[in-house]
Amino acid sequence: MATTAYLLIRASEAVRHNGYLKALEDLWALPEVEYVEPVSGLYDCVARVEAPIRLIFLVHKIMAKSWIERVHVLRIDEPVATALESEEARTARLMRQREIIKAYRAGLPRPPGPEPKLHPGPAAAEEARTARLMRQREIIRAHYQKRRTPATTALVR
């Protein structure tokens, strides 16, 4: 199971004044990084990451970059869907679970009702990761194309 976290990143002083966007592109190019946003305050950017094995390995990989001064990790403990679930939906889900447990203890078949929503399998997760990587590559290509294409000037008369 992958670990999702937000990384608060503080860049070195030299990078903040020169080359900040290139540094963010460098971070964005990592496959584990879902998105990167510059922020104001104590930290310079926030990155949402999904570490497939251990989060600490990814943090060390990011800390190895010369322009990073400090990283603060905010790990997400519970799935977002459960955290954003309304009180009524949570109560209904718990009542459904209790019905199933009672039926199981009584030796009865599972009570009729909606099928449980299962987490997407590894194939769906891999498809989402591939789509995210392709989107990142398109953004990077568009950025470099914009830098390579010289600005055309319109001739007056």
N, C-alpha and C. Protein backbone atom coordinates (compact mmCIF):
# COMPACT_ATOMS: atom_id res chain seq x y z
N MET A 1 0.84 -1.18 0.00
CA MET A 1 0.00 0.00 0.00
C MET A 1 0.89 1.24 0.00
N ALA A 2 0.58 2.17 -0.83
CA ALA A 2 1.38 3.39 -0.96
C ALA A 2 1.05 4.36 0.16
N THR A 3 2.03 5.14 0.52
CA THR A 3 1.88 6.16 1.55
C THR A 3 1.80 7.51 0.87
N THR A 4 0.78 8.28 1.18
CA THR A 4 0.62 9.61 0.62
C THR A 4 0.98 10.63 1.68
N ALA A 5 1.69 11.68 1.25
CA ALA A 5 2.12 12.71 2.19
C ALA A 5 2.27 14.04 1.47
N TYR A 6 2.28 15.09 2.27
CA TYR A 6 2.62 16.42 1.77
C TYR A 6 4.00 16.75 2.31
N LEU A 7 4.85 17.29 1.44
CA LEU A 7 6.18 17.69 1.85
C LEU A 7 6.26 19.21 1.78
N LEU A 8 6.60 19.83 2.90
CA LEU A 8 6.84 21.27 2.93
C LEU A 8 8.33 21.44 2.71
N ILE A 9 8.72 22.15 1.66
CA ILE A 9 10.12 22.21 1.26
C ILE A 9 10.61 23.65 1.31
N ARG A 10 11.77 23.80 1.93
CA ARG A 10 12.44 25.10 1.98
C ARG A 10 13.67 25.03 1.08
N ALA A 11 13.74 25.94 0.11
CA ALA A 11 14.86 25.98 -0.83
C ALA A 11 15.99 26.81 -0.26
N SER A 12 17.20 26.57 -0.76
CA SER A 12 18.35 27.36 -0.32
C SER A 12 18.19 28.80 -0.82
N GLU A 13 18.89 29.69 -0.20
CA GLU A 13 18.79 31.12 -0.51
C GLU A 13 19.19 31.40 -1.97
N ALA A 14 20.22 30.75 -2.45
CA ALA A 14 20.69 30.98 -3.82
C ALA A 14 19.62 30.57 -4.84
N VAL A 15 18.94 29.48 -4.61
CA VAL A 15 17.91 29.01 -5.54
C VAL A 15 16.69 29.91 -5.48
N ARG A 16 16.36 30.42 -4.30
CA ARG A 16 15.19 31.29 -4.19
C ARG A 16 15.35 32.55 -5.03
N HIS A 17 16.58 33.02 -5.17
CA HIS A 17 16.81 34.26 -5.93
C HIS A 17 17.11 34.00 -7.40
N ASN A 18 17.54 32.79 -7.73
CA ASN A 18 17.90 32.49 -9.12
C ASN A 18 17.68 31.01 -9.40
N GLY A 19 16.82 30.69 -10.34
CA GLY A 19 16.63 29.30 -10.73
C GLY A 19 15.56 28.57 -9.96
N TYR A 20 14.63 29.28 -9.37
CA TYR A 20 13.60 28.65 -8.55
C TYR A 20 12.68 27.77 -9.39
N LEU A 21 12.28 28.23 -10.57
CA LEU A 21 11.38 27.46 -11.42
C LEU A 21 12.05 26.19 -11.92
N LYS A 22 13.33 26.27 -12.25
CA LYS A 22 14.06 25.08 -12.70
C LYS A 22 14.13 24.05 -11.57
N ALA A 23 14.31 24.52 -10.36
CA ALA A 23 14.35 23.61 -9.21
C ALA A 23 12.99 22.93 -9.01
N LEU A 24 11.91 23.68 -9.17
CA LEU A 24 10.57 23.09 -9.04
C LEU A 24 10.32 22.07 -10.15
N GLU A 25 10.79 22.35 -11.36
CA GLU A 25 10.67 21.38 -12.46
C GLU A 25 11.45 20.12 -12.15
N ASP A 26 12.61 20.28 -11.53
CA ASP A 26 13.43 19.14 -11.14
C ASP A 26 12.68 18.26 -10.15
N LEU A 27 11.99 18.88 -9.22
CA LEU A 27 11.19 18.14 -8.24
C LEU A 27 9.97 17.51 -8.90
N TRP A 28 9.33 18.25 -9.80
CA TRP A 28 8.13 17.78 -10.49
C TRP A 28 8.42 16.57 -11.36
N ALA A 29 9.65 16.43 -11.83
CA ALA A 29 10.02 15.34 -12.74
C ALA A 29 10.10 13.98 -12.03
N LEU A 30 10.16 13.97 -10.70
CA LEU A 30 10.20 12.70 -9.99
C LEU A 30 8.87 11.97 -10.16
N PRO A 31 8.90 10.67 -10.41
CA PRO A 31 7.65 9.94 -10.66
C PRO A 31 6.74 9.85 -9.44
N GLU A 32 7.28 9.94 -8.23
CA GLU A 32 6.46 9.83 -7.03
C GLU A 32 5.71 11.12 -6.70
N VAL A 33 6.10 12.22 -7.32
CA VAL A 33 5.51 13.53 -7.01
C VAL A 33 4.24 13.71 -7.84
N GLU A 34 3.12 13.95 -7.15
CA GLU A 34 1.85 14.15 -7.83
C GLU A 34 1.68 15.60 -8.28
N TYR A 35 2.05 16.54 -7.43
CA TYR A 35 2.06 17.94 -7.84
C TYR A 35 2.94 18.75 -6.92
N VAL A 36 3.35 19.91 -7.41
CA VAL A 36 4.19 20.83 -6.65
C VAL A 36 3.60 22.22 -6.80
N GLU A 37 3.47 22.93 -5.70
CA GLU A 37 2.94 24.29 -5.73
C GLU A 37 3.85 25.21 -4.93
N PRO A 38 4.24 26.36 -5.49
CA PRO A 38 4.99 27.33 -4.68
C PRO A 38 4.06 27.98 -3.66
N VAL A 39 4.58 28.23 -2.48
CA VAL A 39 3.80 28.86 -1.42
C VAL A 39 4.62 29.98 -0.79
N SER A 40 3.97 30.84 -0.04
CA SER A 40 4.68 31.89 0.68
C SER A 40 4.70 31.54 2.16
N GLY A 41 5.68 32.07 2.85
CA GLY A 41 5.80 31.79 4.27
C GLY A 41 7.14 31.16 4.59
N LEU A 42 7.17 30.32 5.62
CA LEU A 42 8.40 29.70 6.06
C LEU A 42 8.96 28.74 5.02
N TYR A 43 8.10 28.07 4.28
CA TYR A 43 8.53 27.13 3.25
C TYR A 43 8.30 27.73 1.88
N ASP A 44 9.00 27.21 0.88
CA ASP A 44 8.93 27.77 -0.47
C ASP A 44 7.98 27.01 -1.39
N CYS A 45 7.78 25.73 -1.13
CA CYS A 45 6.84 24.98 -1.96
C CYS A 45 6.28 23.81 -1.17
N VAL A 46 5.16 23.32 -1.66
CA VAL A 46 4.50 22.16 -1.06
C VAL A 46 4.36 21.13 -2.17
N ALA A 47 4.67 19.88 -1.87
CA ALA A 47 4.58 18.80 -2.86
C ALA A 47 3.74 17.68 -2.28
N ARG A 48 2.86 17.15 -3.10
CA ARG A 48 2.09 15.97 -2.69
C ARG A 48 2.77 14.78 -3.34
N VAL A 49 3.13 13.79 -2.52
CA VAL A 49 3.86 12.63 -3.02
C VAL A 49 3.13 11.35 -2.64
N GLU A 50 3.40 10.31 -3.43
CA GLU A 50 2.88 8.99 -3.13
C GLU A 50 4.05 8.04 -3.22
N ALA A 51 4.49 7.54 -2.06
CA ALA A 51 5.64 6.66 -1.99
C ALA A 51 5.16 5.22 -2.03
N PRO A 52 5.57 4.45 -3.04
CA PRO A 52 5.08 3.09 -3.16
C PRO A 52 5.63 2.14 -2.10
N ILE A 53 6.82 2.39 -1.57
CA ILE A 53 7.41 1.46 -0.61
C ILE A 53 7.49 2.11 0.77
N ARG A 54 8.48 2.93 0.99
CA ARG A 54 8.65 3.61 2.27
C ARG A 54 8.84 5.09 2.01
N LEU A 55 8.15 5.90 2.76
CA LEU A 55 8.20 7.34 2.59
C LEU A 55 9.59 7.89 2.89
N ILE A 56 10.28 7.30 3.86
CA ILE A 56 11.59 7.82 4.26
C ILE A 56 12.60 7.74 3.12
N PHE A 57 12.49 6.70 2.26
CA PHE A 57 13.41 6.58 1.12
C PHE A 57 13.19 7.74 0.14
N LEU A 58 11.93 8.08 -0.09
CA LEU A 58 11.63 9.19 -0.99
C LEU A 58 12.10 10.52 -0.41
N VAL A 59 11.92 10.71 0.88
CA VAL A 59 12.35 11.95 1.52
C VAL A 59 13.87 12.09 1.42
N HIS A 60 14.61 11.01 1.62
CA HIS A 60 16.08 11.06 1.50
C HIS A 60 16.48 11.35 0.05
N LYS A 61 15.74 10.80 -0.90
CA LYS A 61 16.01 11.05 -2.32
C LYS A 61 15.83 12.53 -2.64
N ILE A 62 14.79 13.13 -2.07
CA ILE A 62 14.52 14.55 -2.30
C ILE A 62 15.55 15.42 -1.56
N MET A 63 15.88 15.03 -0.33
CA MET A 63 16.86 15.79 0.45
C MET A 63 18.25 15.77 -0.20
N ALA A 64 18.53 14.77 -1.04
CA ALA A 64 19.84 14.68 -1.70
C ALA A 64 20.04 15.78 -2.73
N LYS A 65 18.97 16.44 -3.15
CA LYS A 65 19.09 17.53 -4.11
C LYS A 65 19.78 18.71 -3.43
N SER A 66 20.71 19.29 -4.13
CA SER A 66 21.56 20.33 -3.54
C SER A 66 20.81 21.60 -3.18
N TRP A 67 19.72 21.88 -3.84
CA TRP A 67 19.01 23.14 -3.61
C TRP A 67 18.03 23.09 -2.45
N ILE A 68 17.80 21.91 -1.88
CA ILE A 68 16.84 21.78 -0.78
C ILE A 68 17.54 21.96 0.55
N GLU A 69 17.00 22.87 1.33
CA GLU A 69 17.57 23.18 2.64
C GLU A 69 16.88 22.38 3.76
N ARG A 70 15.55 22.25 3.66
CA ARG A 70 14.78 21.59 4.71
C ARG A 70 13.50 20.98 4.15
N VAL A 71 13.10 19.83 4.69
CA VAL A 71 11.85 19.17 4.30
C VAL A 71 11.08 18.81 5.56
N HIS A 72 9.82 19.18 5.58
CA HIS A 72 8.93 18.82 6.69
C HIS A 72 7.85 17.91 6.11
N VAL A 73 7.65 16.74 6.71
CA VAL A 73 6.73 15.73 6.17
C VAL A 73 5.41 15.77 6.93
N LEU A 74 4.31 15.86 6.18
CA LEU A 74 2.97 15.77 6.74
C LEU A 74 2.33 14.53 6.12
N ARG A 75 2.29 13.46 6.87
CA ARG A 75 1.77 12.20 6.36
C ARG A 75 0.25 12.16 6.49
N ILE A 76 -0.41 11.64 5.47
CA ILE A 76 -1.87 11.50 5.50
C ILE A 76 -2.18 10.16 6.14
N ASP A 77 -2.92 10.19 7.26
CA ASP A 77 -3.17 8.98 8.03
C ASP A 77 -4.36 8.17 7.55
N GLU A 78 -5.39 8.82 7.07
CA GLU A 78 -6.57 8.08 6.66
C GLU A 78 -6.95 8.48 5.24
N PRO A 79 -7.62 7.61 4.52
CA PRO A 79 -8.01 7.96 3.15
C PRO A 79 -8.90 9.20 3.14
N VAL A 80 -8.75 9.99 2.10
CA VAL A 80 -9.49 11.24 1.98
C VAL A 80 -10.99 10.97 1.90
N ALA A 81 -11.38 9.91 1.21
CA ALA A 81 -12.81 9.61 1.07
C ALA A 81 -13.46 9.40 2.43
N THR A 82 -12.76 8.71 3.34
CA THR A 82 -13.29 8.49 4.67
C THR A 82 -13.30 9.78 5.48
N ALA A 83 -12.28 10.59 5.31
CA ALA A 83 -12.20 11.84 6.06
C ALA A 83 -13.29 12.82 5.64
N LEU A 84 -13.65 12.82 4.37
CA LEU A 84 -14.65 13.76 3.87
C LEU A 84 -16.07 13.20 3.92
N GLU A 85 -16.22 11.99 4.42
CA GLU A 85 -17.52 11.34 4.48
C GLU A 85 -18.44 12.09 5.44
N SER A 86 -19.69 12.29 5.04
CA SER A 86 -20.64 12.98 5.90
C SER A 86 -21.04 12.07 7.07
N GLU A 87 -21.59 12.66 8.08
CA GLU A 87 -22.00 11.91 9.27
C GLU A 87 -23.09 10.89 8.93
N GLU A 88 -24.04 11.29 8.06
CA GLU A 88 -25.11 10.38 7.66
C GLU A 88 -24.55 9.19 6.88
N ALA A 89 -23.62 9.45 5.96
CA ALA A 89 -23.04 8.37 5.16
C ALA A 89 -22.24 7.42 6.04
N ARG A 90 -21.54 7.98 7.02
CA ARG A 90 -20.75 7.15 7.94
C ARG A 90 -21.68 6.27 8.78
N THR A 91 -22.77 6.84 9.29
CA THR A 91 -23.73 6.08 10.08
C THR A 91 -24.35 4.97 9.25
N ALA A 92 -24.72 5.28 8.00
CA ALA A 92 -25.31 4.26 7.13
C ALA A 92 -24.31 3.14 6.85
N ARG A 93 -23.05 3.50 6.62
CA ARG A 93 -22.03 2.48 6.36
C ARG A 93 -21.82 1.59 7.58
N LEU A 94 -21.79 2.17 8.78
CA LEU A 94 -21.61 1.38 10.00
C LEU A 94 -22.82 0.48 10.28
N MET A 95 -24.04 0.99 10.03
CA MET A 95 -25.24 0.18 10.23
C MET A 95 -25.24 -1.01 9.27
N ARG A 96 -24.83 -0.79 8.03
CA ARG A 96 -24.74 -1.87 7.04
C ARG A 96 -23.72 -2.92 7.50
N GLN A 97 -22.60 -2.49 8.03
CA GLN A 97 -21.60 -3.43 8.54
C GLN A 97 -22.15 -4.25 9.70
N ARG A 98 -22.91 -3.61 10.58
CA ARG A 98 -23.51 -4.33 11.72
C ARG A 98 -24.51 -5.37 11.25
N GLU A 99 -25.33 -5.04 10.22
CA GLU A 99 -26.28 -6.01 9.67
C GLU A 99 -25.55 -7.23 9.12
N ILE A 100 -24.47 -7.00 8.42
CA ILE A 100 -23.70 -8.10 7.83
C ILE A 100 -23.10 -8.97 8.93
N ILE A 101 -22.58 -8.36 9.99
CA ILE A 101 -21.99 -9.12 11.10
C ILE A 101 -23.06 -9.96 11.80
N LYS A 102 -24.24 -9.35 12.06
CA LYS A 102 -25.33 -10.09 12.71
C LYS A 102 -25.75 -11.29 11.86
N ALA A 103 -25.88 -11.08 10.54
CA ALA A 103 -26.28 -12.18 9.66
C ALA A 103 -25.21 -13.27 9.65
N TYR A 104 -23.96 -12.88 9.66
CA TYR A 104 -22.87 -13.86 9.65
C TYR A 104 -22.89 -14.69 10.94
N ARG A 105 -23.10 -14.02 12.09
CA ARG A 105 -23.14 -14.74 13.37
C ARG A 105 -24.34 -15.68 13.46
N ALA A 106 -25.43 -15.29 12.83
CA ALA A 106 -26.64 -16.13 12.86
C ALA A 106 -26.60 -17.22 11.79
N GLY A 107 -25.58 -17.24 10.96
CA GLY A 107 -25.48 -18.25 9.91
C GLY A 107 -26.36 -17.97 8.72
N LEU A 108 -26.86 -16.75 8.59
CA LEU A 108 -27.72 -16.37 7.47
C LEU A 108 -26.87 -15.84 6.31
N PRO A 109 -27.44 -15.83 5.11
CA PRO A 109 -26.70 -15.23 4.00
C PRO A 109 -26.60 -13.72 4.18
N ARG A 110 -25.71 -13.14 3.44
CA ARG A 110 -25.49 -11.69 3.51
C ARG A 110 -26.79 -10.96 3.19
N PRO A 111 -27.18 -9.96 4.01
CA PRO A 111 -28.42 -9.22 3.73
C PRO A 111 -28.33 -8.48 2.39
N PRO A 112 -29.47 -8.35 1.70
CA PRO A 112 -29.43 -7.63 0.41
C PRO A 112 -29.11 -6.16 0.63
N GLY A 113 -28.46 -5.60 -0.32
CA GLY A 113 -28.10 -4.19 -0.24
C GLY A 113 -27.07 -3.87 -1.30
N PRO A 114 -26.65 -2.63 -1.33
CA PRO A 114 -25.67 -2.25 -2.35
C PRO A 114 -24.35 -2.99 -2.11
N GLU A 115 -23.69 -3.32 -3.19
CA GLU A 115 -22.39 -3.98 -3.08
C GLU A 115 -21.38 -2.99 -2.50
N PRO A 116 -20.47 -3.46 -1.68
CA PRO A 116 -19.48 -2.54 -1.12
C PRO A 116 -18.56 -2.02 -2.21
N LYS A 117 -18.11 -0.78 -2.03
CA LYS A 117 -17.17 -0.20 -2.98
C LYS A 117 -15.77 -0.66 -2.57
N LEU A 118 -15.14 -1.35 -3.46
CA LEU A 118 -13.80 -1.84 -3.19
C LEU A 118 -12.78 -0.83 -3.67
N HIS A 119 -11.62 -0.87 -3.05
CA HIS A 119 -10.54 0.00 -3.51
C HIS A 119 -10.10 -0.47 -4.88
N PRO A 120 -9.73 0.45 -5.75
CA PRO A 120 -9.27 0.03 -7.07
C PRO A 120 -8.03 -0.84 -6.93
N GLY A 121 -7.93 -1.80 -7.79
CA GLY A 121 -6.82 -2.74 -7.74
C GLY A 121 -5.53 -2.12 -8.23
N PRO A 122 -4.47 -2.91 -8.25
CA PRO A 122 -3.19 -2.39 -8.69
C PRO A 122 -3.20 -1.92 -10.14
N ALA A 123 -4.04 -2.54 -10.97
CA ALA A 123 -4.10 -2.13 -12.38
C ALA A 123 -4.63 -0.70 -12.49
N ALA A 124 -5.69 -0.38 -11.73
CA ALA A 124 -6.25 0.98 -11.77
C ALA A 124 -5.26 1.98 -11.21
N ALA A 125 -4.55 1.61 -10.15
CA ALA A 125 -3.55 2.51 -9.57
C ALA A 125 -2.42 2.75 -10.56
N GLU A 126 -2.02 1.70 -11.28
CA GLU A 126 -0.95 1.84 -12.27
C GLU A 126 -1.40 2.73 -13.43
N GLU A 127 -2.68 2.59 -13.84
CA GLU A 127 -3.20 3.44 -14.91
C GLU A 127 -3.22 4.90 -14.47
N ALA A 128 -3.63 5.17 -13.25
CA ALA A 128 -3.65 6.54 -12.74
C ALA A 128 -2.24 7.11 -12.67
N ARG A 129 -1.29 6.30 -12.24
CA ARG A 129 0.11 6.75 -12.15
C ARG A 129 0.66 7.05 -13.54
N THR A 130 0.36 6.17 -14.51
CA THR A 130 0.81 6.39 -15.88
C THR A 130 0.21 7.66 -16.45
N ALA A 131 -1.07 7.89 -16.22
CA ALA A 131 -1.73 9.11 -16.70
C ALA A 131 -1.09 10.35 -16.07
N ARG A 132 -0.78 10.28 -14.77
CA ARG A 132 -0.14 11.40 -14.09
C ARG A 132 1.23 11.69 -14.67
N LEU A 133 2.00 10.63 -14.93
CA LEU A 133 3.34 10.80 -15.51
C LEU A 133 3.26 11.39 -16.91
N MET A 134 2.31 10.93 -17.71
CA MET A 134 2.16 11.47 -19.06
C MET A 134 1.78 12.95 -19.00
N ARG A 135 0.92 13.33 -18.06
CA ARG A 135 0.53 14.73 -17.90
C ARG A 135 1.74 15.57 -17.49
N GLN A 136 2.57 15.05 -16.59
CA GLN A 136 3.78 15.77 -16.18
C GLN A 136 4.72 15.95 -17.35
N ARG A 137 4.89 14.92 -18.17
CA ARG A 137 5.78 15.02 -19.34
C ARG A 137 5.27 16.06 -20.33
N GLU A 138 3.94 16.09 -20.54
CA GLU A 138 3.38 17.09 -21.45
C GLU A 138 3.63 18.50 -20.95
N ILE A 139 3.50 18.72 -19.65
CA ILE A 139 3.73 20.04 -19.07
C ILE A 139 5.19 20.44 -19.25
N ILE A 140 6.09 19.52 -18.98
CA ILE A 140 7.52 19.82 -19.11
C ILE A 140 7.87 20.09 -20.57
N ARG A 141 7.36 19.27 -21.50
CA ARG A 141 7.63 19.49 -22.93
C ARG A 141 7.11 20.85 -23.37
N ALA A 142 5.89 21.19 -22.95
CA ALA A 142 5.31 22.48 -23.34
C ALA A 142 6.17 23.63 -22.80
N HIS A 143 6.67 23.47 -21.59
CA HIS A 143 7.51 24.52 -21.01
C HIS A 143 8.79 24.69 -21.82
N TYR A 144 9.45 23.58 -22.16
CA TYR A 144 10.70 23.66 -22.91
C TYR A 144 10.46 24.12 -24.35
N GLN A 145 9.32 23.76 -24.95
CA GLN A 145 9.00 24.24 -26.29
C GLN A 145 8.83 25.75 -26.27
N LYS A 146 8.19 26.25 -25.22
CA LYS A 146 7.98 27.69 -25.09
C LYS A 146 9.32 28.41 -24.96
N ARG A 147 10.27 27.79 -24.25
CA ARG A 147 11.59 28.40 -24.06
C ARG A 147 12.40 28.37 -25.35
N ARG A 148 12.24 27.33 -26.17
CA ARG A 148 13.02 27.18 -27.40
C ARG A 148 12.50 28.07 -28.54
N THR A 149 11.21 28.26 -28.61
CA THR A 149 10.62 29.02 -29.68
C THR A 149 10.91 30.50 -29.47
N PRO A 150 11.65 31.12 -30.42
CA PRO A 150 11.92 32.55 -30.24
C PRO A 150 10.66 33.36 -30.47
N ALA A 151 10.55 34.43 -29.76
CA ALA A 151 9.37 35.29 -29.91
C ALA A 151 9.43 35.96 -31.26
N THR A 152 8.35 35.88 -32.00
CA THR A 152 8.31 36.52 -33.32
C THR A 152 7.86 37.95 -33.14
N THR A 153 8.55 38.81 -33.81
CA THR A 153 8.21 40.23 -33.72
C THR A 153 7.51 40.64 -35.00
N ALA A 154 6.49 41.37 -34.86
CA ALA A 154 5.74 41.85 -36.00
C ALA A 154 6.42 43.10 -36.56
N LEU A 155 6.59 43.10 -37.84
CA LEU A 155 7.20 44.26 -38.49
C LEU A 155 6.14 45.35 -38.67
N VAL A 156 6.53 46.53 -38.32
CA VAL A 156 5.61 47.66 -38.50
C VAL A 156 5.93 48.27 -39.86
N ARG A 157 4.97 48.34 -40.76
CA ARG A 157 5.06 48.85 -42.13
C ARG A 157 5.95 48.05 -42.95
